[in-house]
Amino acid sequence: MKAAPTPARIRTGLLAYLVAGLWFGLLLVKSEAASWYRIQEMFRFQSFHMFGIIGSAIVTALVTTALLRRFGKTREGENVRITPKEKGSVRYVVGGLLFGLGWGLVGLCPGPIFVQLGAGLWTAAVALVFALIGTYLYGLLRERLPH
C-alpha cells in the first residue's frame, strides 16, 4: 500500500505545475501563438508561423511520449502507462472538425484562453464561458454520445 503524499510534497508538485504553466504561457505570448491575428493567418494559409509552432509541438510530443513509455515513472515510482487509442474512429474526425471550426471562429484554442486573460485580453472570457458550457454539456450528454 502506498503512503499518502506529505503536504510538502504536494506543495512542491503544485509549485512545479505553476512554474510550468507560467513558462508555457510566456512561450505562447512570445511566440504569438495566442494572437488572434496569427491564428487567422494560419487558417487563411497566409503565414507559416503557426504551422511551425504546431509542428514543433508535435515533434516535442512524439519525443516526450516515447521517452515516457521507455523511462517514465510517476512521482511515486510507478511506471507510466499510456493506453493506446483506437485507430480510424469517426469520433476523432468529428471531434477534430468541431475543435478546428471553433478554433477558427473564435481565434483561439482552449490552452491560450488563460494566457490571453493574463495578458489583459478580456474578450477571451467569452470563449472561456462557452468552453465551460461545452464541457458541462459534454458531461451531461456523455452517456448518450458514441464512444
N, C-alpha and C. Protein backbone atom coordinates (compact mmCIF):
# COMPACT_ATOMS: atom_id res chain seq x y z
N MET A 1 0.84 -1.19 0.00
CA MET A 1 0.00 0.00 0.00
C MET A 1 0.89 1.25 0.00
N LYS A 2 0.51 2.22 -0.81
CA LYS A 2 1.30 3.45 -0.92
C LYS A 2 0.99 4.39 0.24
N ALA A 3 2.04 5.09 0.67
CA ALA A 3 1.86 6.10 1.70
C ALA A 3 1.28 7.36 1.07
N ALA A 4 0.47 8.06 1.81
CA ALA A 4 -0.11 9.31 1.32
C ALA A 4 0.99 10.35 1.17
N PRO A 5 0.92 11.17 0.12
CA PRO A 5 1.94 12.20 -0.06
C PRO A 5 1.88 13.22 1.06
N THR A 6 3.04 13.71 1.43
CA THR A 6 3.12 14.70 2.50
C THR A 6 2.68 16.06 1.98
N PRO A 7 2.25 16.96 2.87
CA PRO A 7 1.87 18.31 2.43
C PRO A 7 3.00 19.03 1.69
N ALA A 8 4.25 18.82 2.13
CA ALA A 8 5.38 19.47 1.46
C ALA A 8 5.52 18.95 0.04
N ARG A 9 5.34 17.66 -0.14
CA ARG A 9 5.44 17.07 -1.49
C ARG A 9 4.32 17.58 -2.39
N ILE A 10 3.13 17.74 -1.83
CA ILE A 10 2.00 18.29 -2.60
C ILE A 10 2.31 19.72 -3.01
N ARG A 11 2.85 20.54 -2.08
CA ARG A 11 3.18 21.93 -2.39
C ARG A 11 4.24 22.02 -3.48
N THR A 12 5.27 21.19 -3.41
CA THR A 12 6.31 21.25 -4.44
C THR A 12 5.76 20.82 -5.79
N GLY A 13 4.85 19.84 -5.80
CA GLY A 13 4.22 19.43 -7.05
C GLY A 13 3.38 20.55 -7.64
N LEU A 14 2.60 21.22 -6.79
CA LEU A 14 1.77 22.33 -7.27
C LEU A 14 2.64 23.48 -7.76
N LEU A 15 3.74 23.74 -7.07
CA LEU A 15 4.65 24.80 -7.49
C LEU A 15 5.26 24.47 -8.85
N ALA A 16 5.62 23.20 -9.05
CA ALA A 16 6.18 22.79 -10.35
C ALA A 16 5.16 23.00 -11.46
N TYR A 17 3.89 22.66 -11.22
CA TYR A 17 2.84 22.87 -12.22
C TYR A 17 2.64 24.37 -12.49
N LEU A 18 2.68 25.18 -11.44
CA LEU A 18 2.52 26.62 -11.61
C LEU A 18 3.65 27.20 -12.46
N VAL A 19 4.89 26.82 -12.14
CA VAL A 19 6.04 27.32 -12.91
C VAL A 19 5.96 26.85 -14.36
N ALA A 20 5.62 25.58 -14.57
CA ALA A 20 5.49 25.07 -15.94
C ALA A 20 4.39 25.80 -16.69
N GLY A 21 3.26 26.07 -16.05
CA GLY A 21 2.17 26.79 -16.68
C GLY A 21 2.55 28.22 -17.02
N LEU A 22 3.25 28.89 -16.12
CA LEU A 22 3.69 30.26 -16.40
C LEU A 22 4.69 30.28 -17.56
N TRP A 23 5.61 29.32 -17.57
CA TRP A 23 6.58 29.22 -18.66
C TRP A 23 5.88 28.97 -20.00
N PHE A 24 4.91 28.05 -20.00
CA PHE A 24 4.16 27.74 -21.21
C PHE A 24 3.39 28.98 -21.68
N GLY A 25 2.75 29.68 -20.77
CA GLY A 25 2.02 30.89 -21.12
C GLY A 25 2.94 31.95 -21.70
N LEU A 26 4.11 32.12 -21.11
CA LEU A 26 5.08 33.08 -21.63
C LEU A 26 5.50 32.70 -23.05
N LEU A 27 5.75 31.41 -23.27
CA LEU A 27 6.11 30.95 -24.61
C LEU A 27 4.98 31.20 -25.62
N LEU A 28 3.73 30.97 -25.20
CA LEU A 28 2.61 31.22 -26.10
C LEU A 28 2.50 32.70 -26.48
N VAL A 29 2.72 33.58 -25.51
CA VAL A 29 2.63 35.02 -25.79
C VAL A 29 3.80 35.45 -26.66
N LYS A 30 5.02 35.05 -26.30
CA LYS A 30 6.20 35.49 -27.04
C LYS A 30 6.24 34.92 -28.46
N SER A 31 5.71 33.71 -28.65
CA SER A 31 5.69 33.12 -29.99
C SER A 31 4.48 33.57 -30.81
N GLU A 32 3.64 34.37 -30.19
CA GLU A 32 2.40 34.88 -30.79
C GLU A 32 1.39 33.77 -31.10
N ALA A 33 1.52 32.63 -30.42
CA ALA A 33 0.57 31.54 -30.62
C ALA A 33 -0.78 31.87 -29.99
N ALA A 34 -0.82 32.85 -29.11
CA ALA A 34 -2.08 33.27 -28.50
C ALA A 34 -2.66 34.50 -29.20
N SER A 35 -2.12 34.83 -30.35
CA SER A 35 -2.56 36.01 -31.09
C SER A 35 -3.68 35.64 -32.05
N TRP A 36 -4.79 36.34 -31.95
CA TRP A 36 -5.93 36.10 -32.84
C TRP A 36 -5.50 36.31 -34.29
N TYR A 37 -4.68 37.32 -34.54
CA TYR A 37 -4.26 37.62 -35.91
C TYR A 37 -3.42 36.49 -36.49
N ARG A 38 -2.51 35.93 -35.69
CA ARG A 38 -1.68 34.82 -36.17
C ARG A 38 -2.53 33.60 -36.48
N ILE A 39 -3.53 33.33 -35.64
CA ILE A 39 -4.40 32.18 -35.85
C ILE A 39 -5.22 32.37 -37.13
N GLN A 40 -5.71 33.57 -37.34
CA GLN A 40 -6.46 33.85 -38.57
C GLN A 40 -5.57 33.71 -39.80
N GLU A 41 -4.32 34.17 -39.70
CA GLU A 41 -3.37 33.99 -40.81
C GLU A 41 -3.18 32.52 -41.13
N MET A 42 -3.09 31.70 -40.08
CA MET A 42 -2.90 30.26 -40.28
C MET A 42 -4.09 29.66 -41.03
N PHE A 43 -5.30 29.96 -40.58
CA PHE A 43 -6.48 29.37 -41.20
C PHE A 43 -6.72 29.91 -42.62
N ARG A 44 -6.14 31.04 -42.94
CA ARG A 44 -6.25 31.58 -44.31
C ARG A 44 -5.03 31.20 -45.15
N PHE A 45 -4.13 30.41 -44.59
CA PHE A 45 -2.90 29.98 -45.26
C PHE A 45 -2.08 31.18 -45.74
N GLN A 46 -2.03 32.22 -44.91
CA GLN A 46 -1.27 33.42 -45.24
C GLN A 46 0.09 33.45 -44.56
N SER A 47 0.33 32.55 -43.62
CA SER A 47 1.58 32.56 -42.88
C SER A 47 1.91 31.14 -42.40
N PHE A 48 3.20 30.82 -42.42
CA PHE A 48 3.66 29.52 -41.95
C PHE A 48 3.90 29.52 -40.45
N HIS A 49 3.89 30.67 -39.82
CA HIS A 49 4.27 30.84 -38.42
C HIS A 49 3.61 29.81 -37.49
N MET A 50 2.29 29.73 -37.50
CA MET A 50 1.58 28.83 -36.59
C MET A 50 1.81 27.36 -36.95
N PHE A 51 1.93 27.06 -38.24
CA PHE A 51 2.19 25.68 -38.63
C PHE A 51 3.56 25.23 -38.10
N GLY A 52 4.52 26.14 -38.06
CA GLY A 52 5.82 25.84 -37.49
C GLY A 52 5.73 25.55 -36.00
N ILE A 53 4.93 26.34 -35.30
CA ILE A 53 4.75 26.14 -33.85
C ILE A 53 4.05 24.80 -33.60
N ILE A 54 2.99 24.52 -34.36
CA ILE A 54 2.26 23.27 -34.20
C ILE A 54 3.16 22.08 -34.54
N GLY A 55 3.94 22.22 -35.61
CA GLY A 55 4.87 21.14 -35.99
C GLY A 55 5.90 20.87 -34.90
N SER A 56 6.44 21.93 -34.30
CA SER A 56 7.42 21.72 -33.22
C SER A 56 6.75 21.10 -32.00
N ALA A 57 5.48 21.43 -31.74
CA ALA A 57 4.74 20.82 -30.63
C ALA A 57 4.52 19.33 -30.89
N ILE A 58 4.23 18.97 -32.13
CA ILE A 58 4.03 17.56 -32.47
C ILE A 58 5.32 16.78 -32.28
N VAL A 59 6.44 17.32 -32.76
CA VAL A 59 7.73 16.65 -32.59
C VAL A 59 8.06 16.50 -31.10
N THR A 60 7.83 17.56 -30.33
CA THR A 60 8.08 17.50 -28.89
C THR A 60 7.21 16.43 -28.22
N ALA A 61 5.94 16.37 -28.61
CA ALA A 61 5.04 15.36 -28.03
C ALA A 61 5.47 13.95 -28.41
N LEU A 62 5.89 13.73 -29.64
CA LEU A 62 6.35 12.40 -30.06
C LEU A 62 7.57 11.96 -29.26
N VAL A 63 8.53 12.87 -29.11
CA VAL A 63 9.76 12.53 -28.39
C VAL A 63 9.47 12.29 -26.91
N THR A 64 8.72 13.19 -26.27
CA THR A 64 8.46 13.02 -24.84
C THR A 64 7.58 11.81 -24.56
N THR A 65 6.62 11.51 -25.43
CA THR A 65 5.80 10.32 -25.23
C THR A 65 6.65 9.06 -25.35
N ALA A 66 7.54 9.02 -26.33
CA ALA A 66 8.44 7.87 -26.47
C ALA A 66 9.32 7.72 -25.24
N LEU A 67 9.84 8.83 -24.73
CA LEU A 67 10.67 8.78 -23.52
C LEU A 67 9.86 8.34 -22.30
N LEU A 68 8.63 8.84 -22.19
CA LEU A 68 7.77 8.43 -21.07
C LEU A 68 7.48 6.93 -21.12
N ARG A 69 7.19 6.43 -22.32
CA ARG A 69 6.91 5.00 -22.46
C ARG A 69 8.12 4.16 -22.07
N ARG A 70 9.29 4.66 -22.38
CA ARG A 70 10.50 3.87 -22.12
C ARG A 70 11.03 4.04 -20.70
N PHE A 71 11.07 5.29 -20.21
CA PHE A 71 11.71 5.56 -18.93
C PHE A 71 10.80 6.19 -17.88
N GLY A 72 9.53 6.47 -18.23
CA GLY A 72 8.66 7.27 -17.37
C GLY A 72 8.26 6.61 -16.08
N LYS A 73 8.35 7.38 -15.02
CA LYS A 73 7.92 6.96 -13.69
C LYS A 73 7.06 8.08 -13.09
N THR A 74 6.07 7.69 -12.30
CA THR A 74 5.29 8.70 -11.58
C THR A 74 6.12 9.20 -10.41
N ARG A 75 5.61 10.17 -9.70
CA ARG A 75 6.33 10.67 -8.52
C ARG A 75 6.45 9.61 -7.44
N GLU A 76 5.54 8.62 -7.49
CA GLU A 76 5.59 7.54 -6.52
C GLU A 76 6.47 6.38 -7.00
N GLY A 77 7.06 6.50 -8.19
CA GLY A 77 7.97 5.48 -8.69
C GLY A 77 7.32 4.41 -9.56
N GLU A 78 6.02 4.53 -9.84
CA GLU A 78 5.36 3.54 -10.68
C GLU A 78 5.63 3.86 -12.15
N ASN A 79 5.63 2.83 -13.00
CA ASN A 79 5.81 3.05 -14.43
C ASN A 79 4.62 3.81 -15.00
N VAL A 80 4.91 4.73 -15.92
CA VAL A 80 3.86 5.46 -16.61
C VAL A 80 3.26 4.55 -17.66
N ARG A 81 1.93 4.42 -17.68
CA ARG A 81 1.26 3.60 -18.69
C ARG A 81 0.44 4.51 -19.59
N ILE A 82 0.67 4.38 -20.88
CA ILE A 82 -0.09 5.16 -21.86
C ILE A 82 -0.91 4.16 -22.66
N THR A 83 -2.22 4.24 -22.50
CA THR A 83 -3.09 3.29 -23.20
C THR A 83 -3.22 3.68 -24.66
N PRO A 84 -3.10 2.72 -25.57
CA PRO A 84 -3.23 3.05 -26.99
C PRO A 84 -4.67 3.42 -27.34
N LYS A 85 -4.80 4.34 -28.26
CA LYS A 85 -6.12 4.78 -28.72
C LYS A 85 -6.54 3.96 -29.92
N GLU A 86 -7.86 3.82 -30.10
CA GLU A 86 -8.35 3.10 -31.28
C GLU A 86 -8.07 3.93 -32.52
N LYS A 87 -7.80 3.27 -33.62
CA LYS A 87 -7.46 3.98 -34.85
C LYS A 87 -8.64 3.99 -35.80
N GLY A 88 -8.74 5.04 -36.58
CA GLY A 88 -9.77 5.12 -37.61
C GLY A 88 -11.17 5.41 -37.11
N SER A 89 -11.29 5.91 -35.89
CA SER A 89 -12.62 6.17 -35.34
C SER A 89 -13.19 7.47 -35.90
N VAL A 90 -14.45 7.45 -36.25
CA VAL A 90 -15.14 8.63 -36.78
C VAL A 90 -15.18 9.72 -35.72
N ARG A 91 -15.24 9.34 -34.46
CA ARG A 91 -15.37 10.36 -33.42
C ARG A 91 -14.17 11.29 -33.37
N TYR A 92 -12.98 10.78 -33.72
CA TYR A 92 -11.80 11.64 -33.74
C TYR A 92 -11.88 12.65 -34.88
N VAL A 93 -12.40 12.22 -36.01
CA VAL A 93 -12.55 13.12 -37.16
C VAL A 93 -13.59 14.19 -36.85
N VAL A 94 -14.75 13.77 -36.33
CA VAL A 94 -15.81 14.72 -35.99
C VAL A 94 -15.33 15.68 -34.90
N GLY A 95 -14.70 15.13 -33.88
CA GLY A 95 -14.18 15.98 -32.80
C GLY A 95 -13.15 16.97 -33.29
N GLY A 96 -12.25 16.52 -34.15
CA GLY A 96 -11.24 17.41 -34.71
C GLY A 96 -11.84 18.51 -35.57
N LEU A 97 -12.87 18.15 -36.34
CA LEU A 97 -13.53 19.16 -37.17
C LEU A 97 -14.25 20.20 -36.31
N LEU A 98 -14.93 19.75 -35.25
CA LEU A 98 -15.62 20.68 -34.36
C LEU A 98 -14.62 21.58 -33.64
N PHE A 99 -13.53 20.97 -33.18
CA PHE A 99 -12.48 21.74 -32.50
C PHE A 99 -11.90 22.79 -33.44
N GLY A 100 -11.56 22.37 -34.67
CA GLY A 100 -10.99 23.29 -35.64
C GLY A 100 -11.95 24.41 -36.04
N LEU A 101 -13.22 24.07 -36.17
CA LEU A 101 -14.22 25.08 -36.51
C LEU A 101 -14.31 26.13 -35.40
N GLY A 102 -14.38 25.65 -34.16
CA GLY A 102 -14.42 26.59 -33.03
C GLY A 102 -13.15 27.42 -32.94
N TRP A 103 -12.02 26.78 -33.17
CA TRP A 103 -10.73 27.46 -33.12
C TRP A 103 -10.68 28.57 -34.18
N GLY A 104 -11.14 28.24 -35.39
CA GLY A 104 -11.13 29.22 -36.46
C GLY A 104 -12.10 30.37 -36.23
N LEU A 105 -13.28 30.07 -35.70
CA LEU A 105 -14.29 31.11 -35.47
C LEU A 105 -13.89 32.04 -34.33
N VAL A 106 -13.42 31.45 -33.24
CA VAL A 106 -13.10 32.24 -32.05
C VAL A 106 -11.70 32.82 -32.14
N GLY A 107 -10.80 32.11 -32.78
CA GLY A 107 -9.44 32.60 -32.93
C GLY A 107 -8.52 32.21 -31.79
N LEU A 108 -8.90 31.20 -31.03
CA LEU A 108 -8.00 30.67 -30.01
C LEU A 108 -8.44 29.27 -29.61
N CYS A 109 -7.47 28.47 -29.22
CA CYS A 109 -7.81 27.15 -28.71
C CYS A 109 -7.83 27.23 -27.18
N PRO A 110 -8.32 26.21 -26.49
CA PRO A 110 -8.53 26.33 -25.05
C PRO A 110 -7.28 26.69 -24.23
N GLY A 111 -6.11 26.20 -24.59
CA GLY A 111 -4.90 26.50 -23.82
C GLY A 111 -4.64 27.98 -23.64
N PRO A 112 -4.61 28.75 -24.73
CA PRO A 112 -4.30 30.18 -24.60
C PRO A 112 -5.41 31.06 -24.03
N ILE A 113 -6.57 30.50 -23.72
CA ILE A 113 -7.62 31.34 -23.13
C ILE A 113 -7.08 32.01 -21.87
N PHE A 114 -6.45 31.25 -21.01
CA PHE A 114 -5.94 31.81 -19.75
C PHE A 114 -4.76 32.73 -20.00
N VAL A 115 -3.96 32.42 -21.02
CA VAL A 115 -2.84 33.28 -21.39
C VAL A 115 -3.36 34.63 -21.85
N GLN A 116 -4.40 34.62 -22.69
CA GLN A 116 -4.95 35.88 -23.16
C GLN A 116 -5.58 36.67 -22.02
N LEU A 117 -6.25 35.98 -21.12
CA LEU A 117 -6.81 36.68 -19.95
C LEU A 117 -5.68 37.30 -19.13
N GLY A 118 -4.60 36.53 -18.94
CA GLY A 118 -3.45 37.05 -18.20
C GLY A 118 -2.77 38.22 -18.89
N ALA A 119 -2.87 38.26 -20.21
CA ALA A 119 -2.29 39.37 -20.98
C ALA A 119 -3.24 40.57 -21.05
N GLY A 120 -4.42 40.44 -20.43
CA GLY A 120 -5.36 41.56 -20.40
C GLY A 120 -6.35 41.59 -21.55
N LEU A 121 -6.43 40.52 -22.34
CA LEU A 121 -7.39 40.46 -23.45
C LEU A 121 -8.69 39.85 -22.91
N TRP A 122 -9.54 40.69 -22.38
CA TRP A 122 -10.72 40.23 -21.66
C TRP A 122 -11.78 39.62 -22.56
N THR A 123 -11.67 39.79 -23.87
CA THR A 123 -12.62 39.15 -24.77
C THR A 123 -12.48 37.63 -24.73
N ALA A 124 -11.34 37.14 -24.26
CA ALA A 124 -11.15 35.69 -24.13
C ALA A 124 -12.08 35.11 -23.07
N ALA A 125 -12.63 35.96 -22.19
CA ALA A 125 -13.56 35.48 -21.17
C ALA A 125 -14.81 34.90 -21.81
N VAL A 126 -15.22 35.44 -22.96
CA VAL A 126 -16.38 34.90 -23.67
C VAL A 126 -16.09 33.47 -24.10
N ALA A 127 -14.90 33.24 -24.67
CA ALA A 127 -14.52 31.90 -25.09
C ALA A 127 -14.43 30.96 -23.88
N LEU A 128 -13.94 31.46 -22.76
CA LEU A 128 -13.84 30.64 -21.55
C LEU A 128 -15.23 30.23 -21.07
N VAL A 129 -16.16 31.15 -21.05
CA VAL A 129 -17.53 30.84 -20.61
C VAL A 129 -18.12 29.74 -21.50
N PHE A 130 -17.97 29.87 -22.82
CA PHE A 130 -18.55 28.87 -23.71
C PHE A 130 -17.78 27.54 -23.67
N ALA A 131 -16.47 27.59 -23.40
CA ALA A 131 -15.71 26.34 -23.21
C ALA A 131 -16.23 25.61 -21.97
N LEU A 132 -16.50 26.34 -20.92
CA LEU A 132 -17.04 25.72 -19.70
C LEU A 132 -18.44 25.17 -19.94
N ILE A 133 -19.26 25.90 -20.68
CA ILE A 133 -20.62 25.42 -21.01
C ILE A 133 -20.52 24.14 -21.83
N GLY A 134 -19.63 24.14 -22.83
CA GLY A 134 -19.44 22.95 -23.66
C GLY A 134 -18.96 21.75 -22.85
N THR A 135 -18.05 21.98 -21.92
CA THR A 135 -17.57 20.90 -21.06
C THR A 135 -18.69 20.36 -20.19
N TYR A 136 -19.50 21.25 -19.65
CA TYR A 136 -20.63 20.84 -18.82
C TYR A 136 -21.64 20.03 -19.63
N LEU A 137 -21.95 20.51 -20.84
CA LEU A 137 -22.89 19.78 -21.70
C LEU A 137 -22.35 18.40 -22.08
N TYR A 138 -21.05 18.32 -22.34
CA TYR A 138 -20.46 17.01 -22.63
C TYR A 138 -20.64 16.08 -21.44
N GLY A 139 -20.42 16.60 -20.24
CA GLY A 139 -20.62 15.78 -19.05
C GLY A 139 -22.05 15.28 -18.92
N LEU A 140 -23.01 16.12 -19.27
CA LEU A 140 -24.42 15.71 -19.21
C LEU A 140 -24.77 14.67 -20.28
N LEU A 141 -24.20 14.85 -21.48
CA LEU A 141 -24.57 14.01 -22.63
C LEU A 141 -23.63 12.84 -22.87
N ARG A 142 -22.59 12.72 -22.07
CA ARG A 142 -21.53 11.73 -22.32
C ARG A 142 -22.07 10.31 -22.52
N GLU A 143 -23.00 9.90 -21.72
CA GLU A 143 -23.53 8.54 -21.79
C GLU A 143 -24.28 8.28 -23.09
N ARG A 144 -24.82 9.34 -23.70
CA ARG A 144 -25.60 9.17 -24.93
C ARG A 144 -24.78 9.35 -26.20
N LEU A 145 -23.53 9.77 -26.03
CA LEU A 145 -22.67 10.01 -27.19
C LEU A 145 -21.91 8.73 -27.56
N PRO A 146 -21.62 8.57 -28.85
CA PRO A 146 -20.85 7.38 -29.25
C PRO A 146 -19.40 7.49 -28.78
N HIS A 147 -18.91 6.42 -28.19
CA HIS A 147 -17.52 6.38 -27.73
C HIS A 147 -16.84 5.15 -28.26
